[in-house]
Amino acid sequence: MIGSAATFAFGCFALAMLMNLWKVVTAPNVADRILALDTMFINAIALMVLYGLALGTEIFFEAAMIIAMLGFVSTVAYARFILRGNIIE
């Protein structure tokens, strides 16, 4: 039962990742692209956690934490670049 639920959730998050990728490519402005990229990071975290649950290993949880940190830093860097024109002052 839990295996079929994990497979269904994996498929849903993979489909959401593809829809976010489409939004990154076709978004009308930069703010929408940044938001879609941030959502892609969240979906990648969910996929890593689900994959770790399916395999029963803990290494994917650490990888998901690294992806979360990279997603946060990149979103902040993109936002600073849009607002100020530079990242590091």
PDB file of N, CA and C in Angstrom:
ATOM      1  N   MET A   1       0.823  -1.203   0.000  1.00  0.00           N
ATOM      2  CA  MET A   1       0.000   0.000   0.000  1.00  0.00           C
ATOM      3  C   MET A   1       0.860   1.258   0.000  1.00  0.00           C
ATOM      4  N   ILE A   2       1.871   1.286   0.879  1.00  0.00           N
ATOM      5  CA  ILE A   2       2.711   2.483   0.944  1.00  0.00           C
ATOM      6  C   ILE A   2       3.564   2.619  -0.317  1.00  0.00           C
ATOM      7  N   GLY A   3       3.894   1.490  -0.938  1.00  0.00           N
ATOM      8  CA  GLY A   3       4.677   1.535  -2.169  1.00  0.00           C
ATOM      9  C   GLY A   3       3.912   2.170  -3.310  1.00  0.00           C
ATOM     10  N   SER A   4       2.635   1.825  -3.419  1.00  0.00           N
ATOM     11  CA  SER A   4       1.825   2.422  -4.491  1.00  0.00           C
ATOM     12  C   SER A   4       1.570   3.912  -4.226  1.00  0.00           C
ATOM     13  N   ALA A   5       1.428   4.285  -2.964  1.00  0.00           N
ATOM     14  CA  ALA A   5       1.250   5.702  -2.633  1.00  0.00           C
ATOM     15  C   ALA A   5       2.528   6.492  -2.937  1.00  0.00           C
ATOM     16  N   ALA A   6       3.677   5.891  -2.646  1.00  0.00           N
ATOM     17  CA  ALA A   6       4.941   6.568  -2.941  1.00  0.00           C
ATOM     18  C   ALA A   6       5.147   6.695  -4.448  1.00  0.00           C
ATOM     19  N   THR A   7       4.759   5.680  -5.205  1.00  0.00           N
ATOM     20  CA  THR A   7       4.872   5.738  -6.659  1.00  0.00           C
ATOM     21  C   THR A   7       3.962   6.817  -7.232  1.00  0.00           C
ATOM     22  N   PHE A   8       2.738   6.900  -6.724  1.00  0.00           N
ATOM     23  CA  PHE A   8       1.813   7.936  -7.168  1.00  0.00           C
ATOM     24  C   PHE A   8       2.347   9.329  -6.842  1.00  0.00           C
ATOM     25  N   ALA A   9       2.877   9.512  -5.633  1.00  0.00           N
ATOM     26  CA  ALA A   9       3.429  10.810  -5.228  1.00  0.00           C
ATOM     27  C   ALA A   9       4.655  11.159  -6.068  1.00  0.00           C
ATOM     28  N   PHE A  10       5.491  10.153  -6.370  1.00  0.00           N
ATOM     29  CA  PHE A  10       6.661  10.385  -7.210  1.00  0.00           C
ATOM     30  C   PHE A  10       6.243  10.866  -8.597  1.00  0.00           C
ATOM     31  N   GLY A  11       5.216  10.243  -9.149  1.00  0.00           N
ATOM     32  CA  GLY A  11       4.707  10.661 -10.456  1.00  0.00           C
ATOM     33  C   GLY A  11       4.138  12.068 -10.431  1.00  0.00           C
ATOM     34  N   CYS A  12       3.412  12.395  -9.362  1.00  0.00           N
ATOM     35  CA  CYS A  12       2.827  13.741  -9.250  1.00  0.00           C
ATOM     36  C   CYS A  12       3.909  14.811  -9.152  1.00  0.00           C
ATOM     37  N   PHE A  13       4.942  14.559  -8.341  1.00  0.00           N
ATOM     38  CA  PHE A  13       6.009  15.544  -8.201  1.00  0.00           C
ATOM     39  C   PHE A  13       6.840  15.648  -9.481  1.00  0.00           C
ATOM     40  N   ALA A  14       7.018  14.534 -10.186  1.00  0.00           N
ATOM     41  CA  ALA A  14       7.734  14.591 -11.459  1.00  0.00           C
ATOM     42  C   ALA A  14       6.948  15.402 -12.487  1.00  0.00           C
ATOM     43  N   LEU A  15       5.641  15.220 -12.527  1.00  0.00           N
ATOM     44  CA  LEU A  15       4.798  16.011 -13.429  1.00  0.00           C
ATOM     45  C   LEU A  15       4.834  17.490 -13.049  1.00  0.00           C
ATOM     46  N   ALA A  16       4.811  17.779 -11.754  1.00  0.00           N
ATOM     47  CA  ALA A  16       4.905  19.171 -11.302  1.00  0.00           C
ATOM     48  C   ALA A  16       6.250  19.777 -11.686  1.00  0.00           C
ATOM     49  N   MET A  17       7.309  18.976 -11.647  1.00  0.00           N
ATOM     50  CA  MET A  17       8.623  19.466 -12.053  1.00  0.00           C
ATOM     51  C   MET A  17       8.634  19.808 -13.541  1.00  0.00           C
ATOM     52  N   LEU A  18       8.012  18.994 -14.352  1.00  0.00           N
ATOM     53  CA  LEU A  18       7.936  19.293 -15.785  1.00  0.00           C
ATOM     54  C   LEU A  18       7.111  20.551 -16.056  1.00  0.00           C
ATOM     55  N   MET A  19       6.022  20.734 -15.319  1.00  0.00           N
ATOM     56  CA  MET A  19       5.220  21.947 -15.498  1.00  0.00           C
ATOM     57  C   MET A  19       5.997  23.186 -15.060  1.00  0.00           C
ATOM     58  N   ASN A  20       6.803  23.061 -13.995  1.00  0.00           N
ATOM     59  CA  ASN A  20       7.645  24.187 -13.582  1.00  0.00           C
ATOM     60  C   ASN A  20       8.711  24.497 -14.613  1.00  0.00           C
ATOM     61  N   LEU A  21       9.272  23.465 -15.217  1.00  0.00           N
ATOM     62  CA  LEU A  21      10.256  23.684 -16.266  1.00  0.00           C
ATOM     63  C   LEU A  21       9.635  24.412 -17.452  1.00  0.00           C
ATOM     64  N   TRP A  22       8.409  24.059 -17.788  1.00  0.00           N
ATOM     65  CA  TRP A  22       7.699  24.759 -18.859  1.00  0.00           C
ATOM     66  C   TRP A  22       7.487  26.231 -18.498  1.00  0.00           C
ATOM     67  N   LYS A  23       7.168  26.491 -17.232  1.00  0.00           N
ATOM     68  CA  LYS A  23       6.951  27.874 -16.794  1.00  0.00           C
ATOM     69  C   LYS A  23       8.256  28.669 -16.812  1.00  0.00           C
ATOM     70  N   VAL A  24       9.370  28.019 -16.500  1.00  0.00           N
ATOM     71  CA  VAL A  24      10.658  28.698 -16.560  1.00  0.00           C
ATOM     72  C   VAL A  24      10.963  29.128 -17.994  1.00  0.00           C
ATOM     73  N   VAL A  25      10.637  28.289 -18.952  1.00  0.00           N
ATOM     74  CA  VAL A  25      10.937  28.588 -20.343  1.00  0.00           C
ATOM     75  C   VAL A  25       9.999  29.647 -20.910  1.00  0.00           C
ATOM     76  N   THR A  26       8.716  29.611 -20.551  1.00  0.00           N
ATOM     77  CA  THR A  26       7.723  30.470 -21.197  1.00  0.00           C
ATOM     78  C   THR A  26       7.205  31.611 -20.324  1.00  0.00           C
ATOM     79  N   ALA A  27       7.813  31.877 -19.190  1.00  0.00           N
ATOM     80  CA  ALA A  27       7.311  32.936 -18.308  1.00  0.00           C
ATOM     81  C   ALA A  27       7.489  34.309 -18.961  1.00  0.00           C
ATOM     82  N   PRO A  28       6.533  35.219 -18.746  1.00  0.00           N
ATOM     83  CA  PRO A  28       6.610  36.527 -19.399  1.00  0.00           C
ATOM     84  C   PRO A  28       7.665  37.459 -18.791  1.00  0.00           C
ATOM     85  N   ASN A  29       7.981  37.305 -17.499  1.00  0.00           N
ATOM     86  CA  ASN A  29       8.984  38.184 -16.904  1.00  0.00           C
ATOM     87  C   ASN A  29       9.904  37.390 -15.980  1.00  0.00           C
ATOM     88  N   VAL A  30      10.935  38.060 -15.493  1.00  0.00           N
ATOM     89  CA  VAL A  30      11.978  37.388 -14.722  1.00  0.00           C
ATOM     90  C   VAL A  30      11.474  36.937 -13.357  1.00  0.00           C
ATOM     91  N   ALA A  31      10.583  37.693 -12.743  1.00  0.00           N
ATOM     92  CA  ALA A  31      10.077  37.322 -11.425  1.00  0.00           C
ATOM     93  C   ALA A  31       9.321  35.993 -11.470  1.00  0.00           C
ATOM     94  N   ASP A  32       8.565  35.774 -12.523  1.00  0.00           N
ATOM     95  CA  ASP A  32       7.866  34.497 -12.667  1.00  0.00           C
ATOM     96  C   ASP A  32       8.846  33.347 -12.874  1.00  0.00           C
ATOM     97  N   ARG A  33       9.920  33.597 -13.571  1.00  0.00           N
ATOM     98  CA  ARG A  33      10.932  32.551 -13.778  1.00  0.00           C
ATOM     99  C   ARG A  33      11.636  32.203 -12.475  1.00  0.00           C
ATOM    100  N   ILE A  34      11.932  33.208 -11.660  1.00  0.00           N
ATOM    101  CA  ILE A  34      12.567  32.957 -10.367  1.00  0.00           C
ATOM    102  C   ILE A  34      11.640  32.151  -9.471  1.00  0.00           C
ATOM    103  N   LEU A  35      10.380  32.495  -9.461  1.00  0.00           N
ATOM    104  CA  LEU A  35       9.405  31.756  -8.653  1.00  0.00           C
ATOM    105  C   LEU A  35       9.273  30.316  -9.134  1.00  0.00           C
ATOM    106  N   ALA A  36       9.293  30.096 -10.441  1.00  0.00           N
ATOM    107  CA  ALA A  36       9.206  28.736 -10.980  1.00  0.00           C
ATOM    108  C   ALA A  36      10.461  27.935 -10.630  1.00  0.00           C
ATOM    109  N   LEU A  37      11.625  28.573 -10.666  1.00  0.00           N
ATOM    110  CA  LEU A  37      12.848  27.880 -10.278  1.00  0.00           C
ATOM    111  C   LEU A  37      12.838  27.500  -8.807  1.00  0.00           C
ATOM    112  N   ASP A  38      12.336  28.383  -7.960  1.00  0.00           N
ATOM    113  CA  ASP A  38      12.237  28.082  -6.537  1.00  0.00           C
ATOM    114  C   ASP A  38      11.283  26.910  -6.301  1.00  0.00           C
ATOM    115  N   THR A  39      10.197  26.879  -7.029  1.00  0.00           N
ATOM    116  CA  THR A  39       9.261  25.771  -6.908  1.00  0.00           C
ATOM    117  C   THR A  39       9.877  24.474  -7.429  1.00  0.00           C
ATOM    118  N   MET A  40      10.728  24.578  -8.446  1.00  0.00           N
ATOM    119  CA  MET A  40      11.433  23.386  -8.928  1.00  0.00           C
ATOM    120  C   MET A  40      12.373  22.829  -7.862  1.00  0.00           C
ATOM    121  N   PHE A  41      13.005  23.703  -7.110  1.00  0.00           N
ATOM    122  CA  PHE A  41      13.851  23.231  -6.014  1.00  0.00           C
ATOM    123  C   PHE A  41      13.019  22.490  -4.972  1.00  0.00           C
ATOM    124  N   ILE A  42      11.854  23.003  -4.658  1.00  0.00           N
ATOM    125  CA  ILE A  42      10.989  22.348  -3.682  1.00  0.00           C
ATOM    126  C   ILE A  42      10.546  20.974  -4.187  1.00  0.00           C
ATOM    127  N   ASN A  43      10.219  20.893  -5.468  1.00  0.00           N
ATOM    128  CA  ASN A  43       9.849  19.598  -6.040  1.00  0.00           C
ATOM    129  C   ASN A  43      11.029  18.632  -6.057  1.00  0.00           C
ATOM    130  N   ALA A  44      12.216  19.133  -6.313  1.00  0.00           N
ATOM    131  CA  ALA A  44      13.407  18.277  -6.289  1.00  0.00           C
ATOM    132  C   ALA A  44      13.652  17.734  -4.886  1.00  0.00           C
ATOM    133  N   ILE A  45      13.423  18.553  -3.876  1.00  0.00           N
ATOM    134  CA  ILE A  45      13.564  18.097  -2.494  1.00  0.00           C
ATOM    135  C   ILE A  45      12.558  16.986  -2.210  1.00  0.00           C
ATOM    136  N   ALA A  46      11.331  17.177  -2.635  1.00  0.00           N
ATOM    137  CA  ALA A  46      10.300  16.156  -2.410  1.00  0.00           C
ATOM    138  C   ALA A  46      10.640  14.856  -3.132  1.00  0.00           C
ATOM    139  N   LEU A  47      11.161  14.962  -4.352  1.00  0.00           N
ATOM    140  CA  LEU A  47      11.542  13.761  -5.094  1.00  0.00           C
ATOM    141  C   LEU A  47      12.692  13.027  -4.413  1.00  0.00           C
ATOM    142  N   MET A  48      13.661  13.767  -3.895  1.00  0.00           N
ATOM    143  CA  MET A  48      14.781  13.127  -3.200  1.00  0.00           C
ATOM    144  C   MET A  48      14.323  12.425  -1.930  1.00  0.00           C
ATOM    145  N   VAL A  49      13.436  13.041  -1.186  1.00  0.00           N
ATOM    146  CA  VAL A  49      12.929  12.422   0.038  1.00  0.00           C
ATOM    147  C   VAL A  49      12.116  11.176  -0.291  1.00  0.00           C
ATOM    148  N   LEU A  50      11.276  11.258  -1.295  1.00  0.00           N
ATOM    149  CA  LEU A  50      10.499  10.083  -1.685  1.00  0.00           C
ATOM    150  C   LEU A  50      11.396   8.947  -2.172  1.00  0.00           C
ATOM    151  N   TYR A  51      12.421   9.278  -2.925  1.00  0.00           N
ATOM    152  CA  TYR A  51      13.342   8.255  -3.407  1.00  0.00           C
ATOM    153  C   TYR A  51      14.102   7.612  -2.243  1.00  0.00           C
ATOM    154  N   GLY A  52      14.486   8.425  -1.269  1.00  0.00           N
ATOM    155  CA  GLY A  52      15.143   7.893  -0.077  1.00  0.00           C
ATOM    156  C   GLY A  52      14.223   6.985   0.727  1.00  0.00           C
ATOM    157  N   LEU A  53      12.938   7.344   0.810  1.00  0.00           N
ATOM    158  CA  LEU A  53      11.973   6.479   1.500  1.00  0.00           C
ATOM    159  C   LEU A  53      11.778   5.167   0.755  1.00  0.00           C
ATOM    160  N   ALA A  54      11.747   5.243  -0.565  1.00  0.00           N
ATOM    161  CA  ALA A  54      11.534   4.033  -1.361  1.00  0.00           C
ATOM    162  C   ALA A  54      12.718   3.076  -1.238  1.00  0.00           C
ATOM    163  N   LEU A  55      13.932   3.615  -1.195  1.00  0.00           N
ATOM    164  CA  LEU A  55      15.109   2.759  -1.086  1.00  0.00           C
ATOM    165  C   LEU A  55      15.445   2.387   0.350  1.00  0.00           C
ATOM    166  N   GLY A  56      14.939   3.144   1.291  1.00  0.00           N
ATOM    167  CA  GLY A  56      15.212   2.866   2.696  1.00  0.00           C
ATOM    168  C   GLY A  56      16.598   3.299   3.143  1.00  0.00           C
ATOM    169  N   THR A  57      17.166   4.277   2.491  1.00  0.00           N
ATOM    170  CA  THR A  57      18.487   4.782   2.861  1.00  0.00           C
ATOM    171  C   THR A  57      18.377   6.232   3.309  1.00  0.00           C
ATOM    172  N   GLU A  58      19.352   6.657   4.093  1.00  0.00           N
ATOM    173  CA  GLU A  58      19.301   8.006   4.659  1.00  0.00           C
ATOM    174  C   GLU A  58      20.147   9.018   3.903  1.00  0.00           C
ATOM    175  N   ILE A  59      20.927   8.575   2.952  1.00  0.00           N
ATOM    176  CA  ILE A  59      21.826   9.489   2.239  1.00  0.00           C
ATOM    177  C   ILE A  59      21.044  10.502   1.403  1.00  0.00           C
ATOM    178  N   PHE A  60      19.875  10.134   0.937  1.00  0.00           N
ATOM    179  CA  PHE A  60      19.087  11.047   0.107  1.00  0.00           C
ATOM    180  C   PHE A  60      18.484  12.181   0.926  1.00  0.00           C
ATOM    181  N   PHE A  61      18.314  11.985   2.226  1.00  0.00           N
ATOM    182  CA  PHE A  61      17.814  13.066   3.065  1.00  0.00           C
ATOM    183  C   PHE A  61      18.876  14.154   3.211  1.00  0.00           C
ATOM    184  N   GLU A  62      20.136  13.744   3.298  1.00  0.00           N
ATOM    185  CA  GLU A  62      21.215  14.727   3.351  1.00  0.00           C
ATOM    186  C   GLU A  62      21.340  15.469   2.019  1.00  0.00           C
ATOM    187  N   ALA A  63      21.161  14.749   0.930  1.00  0.00           N
ATOM    188  CA  ALA A  63      21.199  15.388  -0.391  1.00  0.00           C
ATOM    189  C   ALA A  63      20.042  16.376  -0.539  1.00  0.00           C
ATOM    190  N   ALA A  64      18.882  16.022  -0.004  1.00  0.00           N
ATOM    191  CA  ALA A  64      17.734  16.935  -0.047  1.00  0.00           C
ATOM    192  C   ALA A  64      18.015  18.200   0.763  1.00  0.00           C
ATOM    193  N   MET A  65      18.728  18.068   1.864  1.00  0.00           N
ATOM    194  CA  MET A  65      19.086  19.246   2.663  1.00  0.00           C
ATOM    195  C   MET A  65      20.047  20.149   1.902  1.00  0.00           C
ATOM    196  N   ILE A  66      20.979  19.565   1.186  1.00  0.00           N
ATOM    197  CA  ILE A  66      21.911  20.359   0.379  1.00  0.00           C
ATOM    198  C   ILE A  66      21.158  21.078  -0.739  1.00  0.00           C
ATOM    199  N   ILE A  67      20.226  20.387  -1.378  1.00  0.00           N
ATOM    200  CA  ILE A  67      19.423  21.017  -2.428  1.00  0.00           C
ATOM    201  C   ILE A  67      18.598  22.165  -1.846  1.00  0.00           C
ATOM    202  N   ALA A  68      18.077  21.993  -0.639  1.00  0.00           N
ATOM    203  CA  ALA A  68      17.296  23.061  -0.002  1.00  0.00           C
ATOM    204  C   ALA A  68      18.155  24.296   0.260  1.00  0.00           C
ATOM    205  N   MET A  69      19.374  24.075   0.726  1.00  0.00           N
ATOM    206  CA  MET A  69      20.261  25.220   0.968  1.00  0.00           C
ATOM    207  C   MET A  69      20.636  25.917  -0.333  1.00  0.00           C
ATOM    208  N   LEU A  70      20.941  25.154  -1.356  1.00  0.00           N
ATOM    209  CA  LEU A  70      21.266  25.755  -2.651  1.00  0.00           C
ATOM    210  C   LEU A  70      20.082  26.513  -3.235  1.00  0.00           C
ATOM    211  N   GLY A  71      18.884  25.974  -3.073  1.00  0.00           N
ATOM    212  CA  GLY A  71      17.691  26.650  -3.565  1.00  0.00           C
ATOM    213  C   GLY A  71      17.456  27.974  -2.873  1.00  0.00           C
ATOM    214  N   PHE A  72      17.647  27.998  -1.562  1.00  0.00           N
ATOM    215  CA  PHE A  72      17.447  29.238  -0.815  1.00  0.00           C
ATOM    216  C   PHE A  72      18.461  30.292  -1.233  1.00  0.00           C
ATOM    217  N   VAL A  73      19.727  29.908  -1.305  1.00  0.00           N
ATOM    218  CA  VAL A  73      20.779  30.862  -1.646  1.00  0.00           C
ATOM    219  C   VAL A  73      20.595  31.376  -3.075  1.00  0.00           C
ATOM    220  N   SER A  74      20.244  30.497  -3.995  1.00  0.00           N
ATOM    221  CA  SER A  74      20.085  30.961  -5.380  1.00  0.00           C
ATOM    222  C   SER A  74      18.876  31.870  -5.532  1.00  0.00           C
ATOM    223  N   THR A  75      17.794  31.604  -4.819  1.00  0.00           N
ATOM    224  CA  THR A  75      16.622  32.481  -4.893  1.00  0.00           C
ATOM    225  C   THR A  75      16.943  33.864  -4.336  1.00  0.00           C
ATOM    226  N   VAL A  76      17.659  33.908  -3.229  1.00  0.00           N
ATOM    227  CA  VAL A  76      18.051  35.195  -2.655  1.00  0.00           C
ATOM    228  C   VAL A  76      19.003  35.933  -3.597  1.00  0.00           C
ATOM    229  N   ALA A  77      19.932  35.219  -4.205  1.00  0.00           N
ATOM    230  CA  ALA A  77      20.878  35.858  -5.124  1.00  0.00           C
ATOM    231  C   ALA A  77      20.157  36.407  -6.350  1.00  0.00           C
ATOM    232  N   TYR A  78      19.219  35.645  -6.914  1.00  0.00           N
ATOM    233  CA  TYR A  78      18.452  36.141  -8.061  1.00  0.00           C
ATOM    234  C   TYR A  78      17.636  37.373  -7.686  1.00  0.00           C
ATOM    235  N   ALA A  79      17.014  37.347  -6.521  1.00  0.00           N
ATOM    236  CA  ALA A  79      16.193  38.483  -6.094  1.00  0.00           C
ATOM    237  C   ALA A  79      17.050  39.729  -5.884  1.00  0.00           C
ATOM    238  N   ARG A  80      18.220  39.555  -5.273  1.00  0.00           N
ATOM    239  CA  ARG A  80      19.117  40.712  -5.094  1.00  0.00           C
ATOM    240  C   ARG A  80      19.590  41.254  -6.430  1.00  0.00           C
ATOM    241  N   PHE A  81      19.857  40.365  -7.368  1.00  0.00           N
ATOM    242  CA  PHE A  81      20.307  40.820  -8.683  1.00  0.00           C
ATOM    243  C   PHE A  81      19.214  41.606  -9.394  1.00  0.00           C
ATOM    244  N   ILE A  82      17.975  41.159  -9.260  1.00  0.00           N
ATOM    245  CA  ILE A  82      16.859  41.874  -9.899  1.00  0.00           C
ATOM    246  C   ILE A  82      16.644  43.229  -9.240  1.00  0.00           C
ATOM    247  N   LEU A  83      16.726  43.281  -7.925  1.00  0.00           N
ATOM    248  CA  LEU A  83      16.447  44.533  -7.219  1.00  0.00           C
ATOM    249  C   LEU A  83      17.585  45.543  -7.327  1.00  0.00           C
ATOM    250  N   ARG A  84      18.835  45.081  -7.185  1.00  0.00           N
ATOM    251  CA  ARG A  84      19.943  46.023  -7.081  1.00  0.00           C
ATOM    252  C   ARG A  84      20.885  46.018  -8.268  1.00  0.00           C
ATOM    253  N   GLY A  85      20.847  44.986  -9.084  1.00  0.00           N
ATOM    254  CA  GLY A  85      21.738  44.916 -10.221  1.00  0.00           C
ATOM    255  C   GLY A  85      23.053  44.237  -9.945  1.00  0.00           C
ATOM    256  N   ASN A  86      23.338  43.944  -8.673  1.00  0.00           N
ATOM    257  CA  ASN A  86      24.533  43.185  -8.332  1.00  0.00           C
ATOM    258  C   ASN A  86      24.197  42.239  -7.178  1.00  0.00           C
ATOM    259  N   ILE A  87      25.051  41.267  -6.963  1.00  0.00           N
ATOM    260  CA  ILE A  87      24.791  40.288  -5.905  1.00  0.00           C
ATOM    261  C   ILE A  87      25.630  40.599  -4.679  1.00  0.00           C
ATOM    262  N   ILE A  88      26.917  40.826  -4.886  1.00  0.00           N
ATOM    263  CA  ILE A  88      27.830  41.101  -3.784  1.00  0.00           C
ATOM    264  C   ILE A  88      28.252  42.560  -3.851  1.00  0.00           C
ATOM    265  N   GLU A  89      28.108  43.228  -2.733  1.00  0.00           N
ATOM    266  CA  GLU A  89      28.472  44.654  -2.693  1.00  0.00           C
ATOM    267  C   GLU A  89      29.865  44.831  -2.183  1.00  0.00           C
TER     268      GLU A  89
END
